[in-house]
Amino acid sequence: MKIYESVMNNAEFKHTIKYWCTSWCKIGLNDVDFGWGKPVWIGVCWSTRTSMTRNLITLIENSCDGVEAWIVLSEEEMAVLEHDQEFLAFAAPNPGIFISN
């Protein structure tokens, strides 16, 4: 939070568009067991109502040894990204949840 506040309050960066990226990979979320077994899928819930969660990319390991990228952008920016052929060569926007046995 201190880094976020520092960047947001820095006059040099005050009028720039900021993109945030975080990785939840390798922190063991797929191994957490609260008594009913390990999760079959992990997701993220963000709101675009606050500047802290706008322009955010969160990387999360899935159960198939892959990585999901949860991306929060404005509708206009997301529309551009969803039609970017270079991006689509590596991504499957809004895929179904694949659960391995």
Protein backbone atom coordinates (compact mmCIF):
# COMPACT_ATOMS: atom_id res chain seq x y z
CA MET A 1 0.00 0.00 0.00
CA LYS A 2 2.89 2.37 0.71
CA ILE A 3 4.24 1.92 -2.82
CA TYR A 4 0.79 2.60 -4.28
CA GLU A 5 0.36 5.76 -2.20
CA SER A 6 3.88 6.92 -3.04
CA VAL A 7 3.28 6.59 -6.78
CA MET A 8 -0.19 8.13 -6.65
CA ASN A 9 1.03 11.13 -4.63
CA ASN A 10 4.21 11.73 -6.63
CA ALA A 11 3.81 14.94 -8.65
CA GLU A 12 5.96 13.51 -11.45
CA PHE A 13 3.48 10.66 -12.00
CA LYS A 14 0.29 12.47 -11.05
CA HIS A 15 -1.03 12.90 -14.60
CA THR A 16 0.19 9.64 -16.12
CA ILE A 17 -1.82 6.51 -16.80
CA LYS A 18 -0.64 3.78 -14.49
CA TYR A 19 -0.81 0.03 -15.11
CA TRP A 20 -0.31 -2.31 -12.18
CA CYS A 21 0.80 -5.92 -12.41
CA THR A 22 0.91 -8.48 -9.63
CA SER A 23 1.63 -12.20 -9.60
CA TRP A 24 0.03 -14.68 -7.25
CA CYS A 25 2.00 -17.51 -8.85
CA LYS A 26 4.12 -19.74 -6.64
CA ILE A 27 2.46 -18.63 -3.39
CA GLY A 28 0.60 -21.91 -2.94
CA LEU A 29 -3.03 -20.91 -3.40
CA ASN A 30 -3.74 -24.22 -5.16
CA ASP A 31 -2.53 -26.09 -2.06
CA VAL A 32 -4.70 -24.32 0.51
CA ASP A 33 -7.15 -26.69 2.22
CA PHE A 34 -9.73 -25.32 4.65
CA GLY A 35 -11.06 -28.79 5.41
CA TRP A 36 -13.06 -29.58 2.29
CA GLY A 37 -10.14 -30.18 -0.07
CA LYS A 38 -7.90 -28.10 -2.28
CA PRO A 39 -9.52 -25.58 -4.61
CA VAL A 40 -10.36 -26.70 -8.15
CA TRP A 41 -10.17 -23.13 -9.42
CA ILE A 42 -9.07 -19.75 -8.08
CA GLY A 43 -10.46 -16.47 -9.30
CA VAL A 44 -10.17 -12.80 -8.52
CA CYS A 45 -12.86 -10.25 -7.81
CA TRP A 46 -12.04 -6.61 -8.49
CA SER A 47 -14.08 -3.48 -8.93
CA THR A 48 -13.31 -0.79 -11.48
CA ARG A 49 -14.82 1.82 -9.18
CA THR A 50 -11.55 2.65 -7.45
CA SER A 51 -8.37 3.88 -9.09
CA MET A 52 -6.44 1.24 -7.15
CA THR A 53 -7.98 -1.58 -9.18
CA ARG A 54 -8.14 0.08 -12.59
CA ASN A 55 -5.53 -0.96 -15.14
CA LEU A 56 -4.62 -4.03 -13.11
CA ILE A 57 -3.21 -7.35 -14.27
CA THR A 58 -3.19 -10.25 -11.79
CA LEU A 59 -1.42 -13.49 -12.75
CA ILE A 60 -2.68 -16.68 -11.08
CA GLU A 61 -1.57 -20.30 -11.56
CA ASN A 62 -4.32 -22.64 -12.65
CA SER A 63 -4.66 -26.35 -11.90
CA CYS A 64 -3.32 -27.29 -15.35
CA ASP A 65 0.17 -25.83 -14.88
CA GLY A 66 -0.84 -22.72 -16.80
CA VAL A 67 -1.29 -19.11 -15.82
CA GLU A 68 -4.46 -17.05 -15.94
CA ALA A 69 -4.16 -13.29 -16.40
CA TRP A 70 -7.04 -11.39 -14.83
CA ILE A 71 -7.07 -7.99 -16.52
CA VAL A 72 -9.09 -4.98 -15.37
CA LEU A 73 -9.29 -2.15 -17.93
CA SER A 74 -11.80 0.44 -19.02
CA GLU A 75 -14.36 -0.82 -21.53
CA GLU A 76 -12.64 1.12 -24.31
CA GLU A 77 -9.19 -0.29 -23.56
CA MET A 78 -10.56 -3.82 -23.14
CA ALA A 79 -12.28 -3.61 -26.54
CA VAL A 80 -8.93 -2.74 -28.13
CA LEU A 81 -7.13 -5.57 -26.30
CA GLU A 82 -9.80 -8.14 -27.20
CA HIS A 83 -9.21 -7.42 -30.90
CA ASP A 84 -5.40 -7.28 -30.78
CA GLN A 85 -4.20 -10.21 -32.90
CA GLU A 86 -0.77 -10.35 -31.25
CA PHE A 87 -2.43 -10.61 -27.81
CA LEU A 88 -4.95 -13.19 -29.06
CA ALA A 89 -2.12 -15.40 -30.35
CA PHE A 90 -1.19 -16.03 -26.70
CA ALA A 91 -4.50 -15.60 -24.89
CA ALA A 92 -8.00 -17.03 -24.75
CA PRO A 93 -10.24 -14.23 -23.45
CA ASN A 94 -13.04 -15.45 -21.17
CA PRO A 95 -12.29 -19.17 -21.44
CA GLY A 96 -14.38 -21.72 -19.62
CA ILE A 97 -13.06 -23.12 -16.38
CA PHE A 98 -11.06 -26.29 -17.01
CA ILE A 99 -10.87 -28.58 -14.01
CA SER A 100 -8.32 -31.38 -14.18
CA ASN A 101 -8.97 -34.66 -12.39
